[in-house]
Amino acid sequence: QVQLEESGGGSVQAGGSLRLSCAASERTFNVYVMGWFRQAPGKERGFVAGIDWSGRSTAYANSVKGRFTISRDNAKNTVYLQMNSLKPEDTAVYYCASDRAGLVVTTTPINYDYWGQGTQVTVSS
């Protein structure tokens, strides 16, 4: 069954913006650490951004720091990733994931229990 579902991906020119959304099927996800990961063809899945249950603590990969912003609206059971100043190297499938056991944001994919199906982001030169 689908518990996390990403949306908002698409194709944009370098320098453009996209806003990804991750909708949770159950309200219990509101107390979980949430993260965004991405995977380009032939590469390992890597951490992009994370947020704790309260939304007050966030973490970012160095490659996106200052350009991407993660946020959550627990009333809507939704996590967002605002992506600005996009670069071709940002091209990847972006995944939303939850870490039920975590109290703080971690960057390792194996720490996350539930995953969405992914949404494609393509940035052209």
C-alpha atoms as a PDB file:
ATOM      1  CA  GLN A   1       0.000   0.000   0.000  1.00  0.00           C
ATOM      2  CA  VAL A   2       1.129   3.542  -0.720  1.00  0.00           C
ATOM      3  CA  GLN A   3       1.841   5.439   2.500  1.00  0.00           C
ATOM      4  CA  LEU A   4       3.952   8.298   1.130  1.00  0.00           C
ATOM      5  CA  GLU A   5       3.364   9.852  -2.267  1.00  0.00           C
ATOM      6  CA  GLU A   6       5.550  12.486  -3.925  1.00  0.00           C
ATOM      7  CA  SER A   7       4.361  15.025  -6.463  1.00  0.00           C
ATOM      8  CA  GLY A   8       5.520  18.250  -8.072  1.00  0.00           C
ATOM      9  CA  GLY A   9       8.403  17.001 -10.170  1.00  0.00           C
ATOM     10  CA  GLY A  10       8.952  18.124 -13.727  1.00  0.00           C
ATOM     11  CA  SER A  11      11.361  19.581 -16.252  1.00  0.00           C
ATOM     12  CA  VAL A  12      12.822  23.067 -15.792  1.00  0.00           C
ATOM     13  CA  GLN A  13      15.690  25.160 -17.092  1.00  0.00           C
ATOM     14  CA  ALA A  14      18.773  25.809 -14.999  1.00  0.00           C
ATOM     15  CA  GLY A  15      18.080  28.552 -12.482  1.00  0.00           C
ATOM     16  CA  GLY A  16      14.421  27.667 -12.212  1.00  0.00           C
ATOM     17  CA  SER A  17      12.404  26.422  -9.247  1.00  0.00           C
ATOM     18  CA  LEU A  18      10.201  23.500  -8.304  1.00  0.00           C
ATOM     19  CA  ARG A  19       8.238  22.641  -5.185  1.00  0.00           C
ATOM     20  CA  LEU A  20       7.921  18.974  -4.303  1.00  0.00           C
ATOM     21  CA  SER A  21       5.219  17.647  -1.995  1.00  0.00           C
ATOM     22  CA  CYS A  22       5.061  14.428  -0.002  1.00  0.00           C
ATOM     23  CA  ALA A  23       1.612  13.426   1.207  1.00  0.00           C
ATOM     24  CA  ALA A  24       1.293  10.895   4.017  1.00  0.00           C
ATOM     25  CA  SER A  25      -1.658   8.540   4.132  1.00  0.00           C
ATOM     26  CA  GLU A  26      -1.860   8.486   7.927  1.00  0.00           C
ATOM     27  CA  ARG A  27      -1.688  11.208  10.548  1.00  0.00           C
ATOM     28  CA  THR A  28       0.828   9.146  12.565  1.00  0.00           C
ATOM     29  CA  PHE A  29       3.535  10.290  10.141  1.00  0.00           C
ATOM     30  CA  ASN A  30       3.280  13.710  11.753  1.00  0.00           C
ATOM     31  CA  VAL A  31       5.529  12.562  14.628  1.00  0.00           C
ATOM     32  CA  TYR A  32       8.220  11.013  12.412  1.00  0.00           C
ATOM     33  CA  VAL A  33      11.458  12.434  11.111  1.00  0.00           C
ATOM     34  CA  MET A  34      11.042  12.987   7.379  1.00  0.00           C
ATOM     35  CA  GLY A  35      13.655  13.193   4.670  1.00  0.00           C
ATOM     36  CA  TRP A  36      14.133  13.809   0.981  1.00  0.00           C
ATOM     37  CA  PHE A  37      16.602  11.702  -1.000  1.00  0.00           C
ATOM     38  CA  ARG A  38      17.515  11.646  -4.668  1.00  0.00           C
ATOM     39  CA  GLN A  39      19.002   9.162  -7.088  1.00  0.00           C
ATOM     40  CA  ALA A  40      20.425   9.871 -10.522  1.00  0.00           C
ATOM     41  CA  PRO A  41      20.904   7.099 -13.102  1.00  0.00           C
ATOM     42  CA  GLY A  42      23.882   4.909 -12.219  1.00  0.00           C
ATOM     43  CA  LYS A  43      24.454   6.623  -8.866  1.00  0.00           C
ATOM     44  CA  GLU A  44      23.766   5.852  -5.216  1.00  0.00           C
ATOM     45  CA  ARG A  45      20.708   7.225  -3.500  1.00  0.00           C
ATOM     46  CA  GLY A  46      21.800  10.255  -1.499  1.00  0.00           C
ATOM     47  CA  PHE A  47      20.453  12.485   1.233  1.00  0.00           C
ATOM     48  CA  VAL A  48      19.060  15.867   0.244  1.00  0.00           C
ATOM     49  CA  ALA A  49      17.240  17.310   3.255  1.00  0.00           C
ATOM     50  CA  GLY A  50      15.553  16.247   6.483  1.00  0.00           C
ATOM     51  CA  ILE A  51      13.196  17.643   9.098  1.00  0.00           C
ATOM     52  CA  ASP A  52      12.192  16.548  12.589  1.00  0.00           C
ATOM     53  CA  TRP A  53       8.633  16.058  13.799  1.00  0.00           C
ATOM     54  CA  SER A  54       8.222  19.626  15.035  1.00  0.00           C
ATOM     55  CA  GLY A  55       9.619  21.232  11.897  1.00  0.00           C
ATOM     56  CA  ARG A  56      12.067  23.252  13.993  1.00  0.00           C
ATOM     57  CA  SER A  57      15.178  21.211  13.189  1.00  0.00           C
ATOM     58  CA  THR A  58      16.361  20.719   9.604  1.00  0.00           C
ATOM     59  CA  ALA A  59      19.432  19.404   7.820  1.00  0.00           C
ATOM     60  CA  TYR A  60      20.704  19.716   4.252  1.00  0.00           C
ATOM     61  CA  ALA A  61      23.286  18.175   1.999  1.00  0.00           C
ATOM     62  CA  ASN A  62      26.118  20.590   1.259  1.00  0.00           C
ATOM     63  CA  SER A  63      25.287  20.479  -2.437  1.00  0.00           C
ATOM     64  CA  VAL A  64      21.820  21.972  -1.887  1.00  0.00           C
ATOM     65  CA  LYS A  65      22.377  24.158   1.167  1.00  0.00           C
ATOM     66  CA  GLY A  66      21.132  27.681   0.543  1.00  0.00           C
ATOM     67  CA  ARG A  67      19.096  26.613  -2.484  1.00  0.00           C
ATOM     68  CA  PHE A  68      16.617  24.056  -1.111  1.00  0.00           C
ATOM     69  CA  THR A  69      14.240  24.399   1.834  1.00  0.00           C
ATOM     70  CA  ILE A  70      12.415  21.562   3.568  1.00  0.00           C
ATOM     71  CA  SER A  71       9.253  22.219   5.549  1.00  0.00           C
ATOM     72  CA  ARG A  72       6.220  20.382   6.833  1.00  0.00           C
ATOM     73  CA  ASP A  73       2.578  21.083   7.526  1.00  0.00           C
ATOM     74  CA  ASN A  74       1.419  18.449   9.974  1.00  0.00           C
ATOM     75  CA  ALA A  75      -2.172  19.656   9.744  1.00  0.00           C
ATOM     76  CA  LYS A  76      -2.072  18.562   6.092  1.00  0.00           C
ATOM     77  CA  ASN A  77       0.102  15.459   6.627  1.00  0.00           C
ATOM     78  CA  THR A  78       2.488  16.894   4.059  1.00  0.00           C
ATOM     79  CA  VAL A  79       6.222  17.573   3.729  1.00  0.00           C
ATOM     80  CA  TYR A  80       7.594  19.982   1.131  1.00  0.00           C
ATOM     81  CA  LEU A  81      10.879  20.572  -0.633  1.00  0.00           C
ATOM     82  CA  GLN A  82      11.246  24.000  -2.202  1.00  0.00           C
ATOM     83  CA  MET A  83      14.035  23.873  -4.782  1.00  0.00           C
ATOM     84  CA  ASN A  84      15.437  27.144  -6.103  1.00  0.00           C
ATOM     85  CA  SER A  85      18.364  27.970  -8.388  1.00  0.00           C
ATOM     86  CA  LEU A  86      18.219  24.488  -9.844  1.00  0.00           C
ATOM     87  CA  LYS A  87      21.286  23.087 -11.584  1.00  0.00           C
ATOM     88  CA  PRO A  88      21.622  20.267 -14.136  1.00  0.00           C
ATOM     89  CA  GLU A  89      23.344  18.172 -11.472  1.00  0.00           C
ATOM     90  CA  ASP A  90      20.107  18.276  -9.455  1.00  0.00           C
ATOM     91  CA  THR A  91      18.512  16.023 -12.071  1.00  0.00           C
ATOM     92  CA  ALA A  92      17.340  12.850 -10.338  1.00  0.00           C
ATOM     93  CA  VAL A  93      14.372  10.946  -9.019  1.00  0.00           C
ATOM     94  CA  TYR A  94      13.434  12.483  -5.677  1.00  0.00           C
ATOM     95  CA  TYR A  95      12.082  10.304  -2.888  1.00  0.00           C
ATOM     96  CA  CYS A  96      10.280  11.155   0.330  1.00  0.00           C
ATOM     97  CA  ALA A  97      10.962   8.896   3.320  1.00  0.00           C
ATOM     98  CA  SER A  98      10.167   8.600   7.025  1.00  0.00           C
ATOM     99  CA  ASP A  99      12.312   7.517   9.977  1.00  0.00           C
ATOM    100  CA  ARG A 100      10.001   6.272  12.703  1.00  0.00           C
ATOM    101  CA  ALA A 101      12.770   5.585  15.228  1.00  0.00           C
ATOM    102  CA  GLY A 102      14.672   8.824  14.782  1.00  0.00           C
ATOM    103  CA  LEU A 103      14.626  11.731  17.179  1.00  0.00           C
ATOM    104  CA  VAL A 104      16.924  13.822  14.992  1.00  0.00           C
ATOM    105  CA  VAL A 105      17.527  13.957  11.262  1.00  0.00           C
ATOM    106  CA  THR A 106      19.984  11.393   9.911  1.00  0.00           C
ATOM    107  CA  THR A 107      21.401  11.088   6.406  1.00  0.00           C
ATOM    108  CA  THR A 108      21.642   7.322   5.894  1.00  0.00           C
ATOM    109  CA  PRO A 109      18.916   5.783   3.702  1.00  0.00           C
ATOM    110  CA  ILE A 110      18.782   2.544   5.730  1.00  0.00           C
ATOM    111  CA  ASN A 111      17.540   4.503   8.748  1.00  0.00           C
ATOM    112  CA  TYR A 112      14.323   5.328   6.928  1.00  0.00           C
ATOM    113  CA  ASP A 113      11.428   2.884   7.094  1.00  0.00           C
ATOM    114  CA  TYR A 114       8.862   4.076   4.557  1.00  0.00           C
ATOM    115  CA  TRP A 115       9.468   5.412   1.069  1.00  0.00           C
ATOM    116  CA  GLY A 116       7.391   7.024  -1.617  1.00  0.00           C
ATOM    117  CA  GLN A 117       7.517   5.985  -5.264  1.00  0.00           C
ATOM    118  CA  GLY A 118       9.610   8.958  -6.335  1.00  0.00           C
ATOM    119  CA  THR A 119       9.088  11.929  -8.624  1.00  0.00           C
ATOM    120  CA  GLN A 120      11.352  12.881 -11.528  1.00  0.00           C
ATOM    121  CA  VAL A 121      13.145  16.221 -11.573  1.00  0.00           C
ATOM    122  CA  THR A 122      14.978  17.177 -14.761  1.00  0.00           C
ATOM    123  CA  VAL A 123      17.040  20.361 -15.047  1.00  0.00           C
ATOM    124  CA  SER A 124      18.280  21.357 -18.488  1.00  0.00           C
ATOM    125  CA  SER A 125      21.234  23.574 -19.383  1.00  0.00           C
END
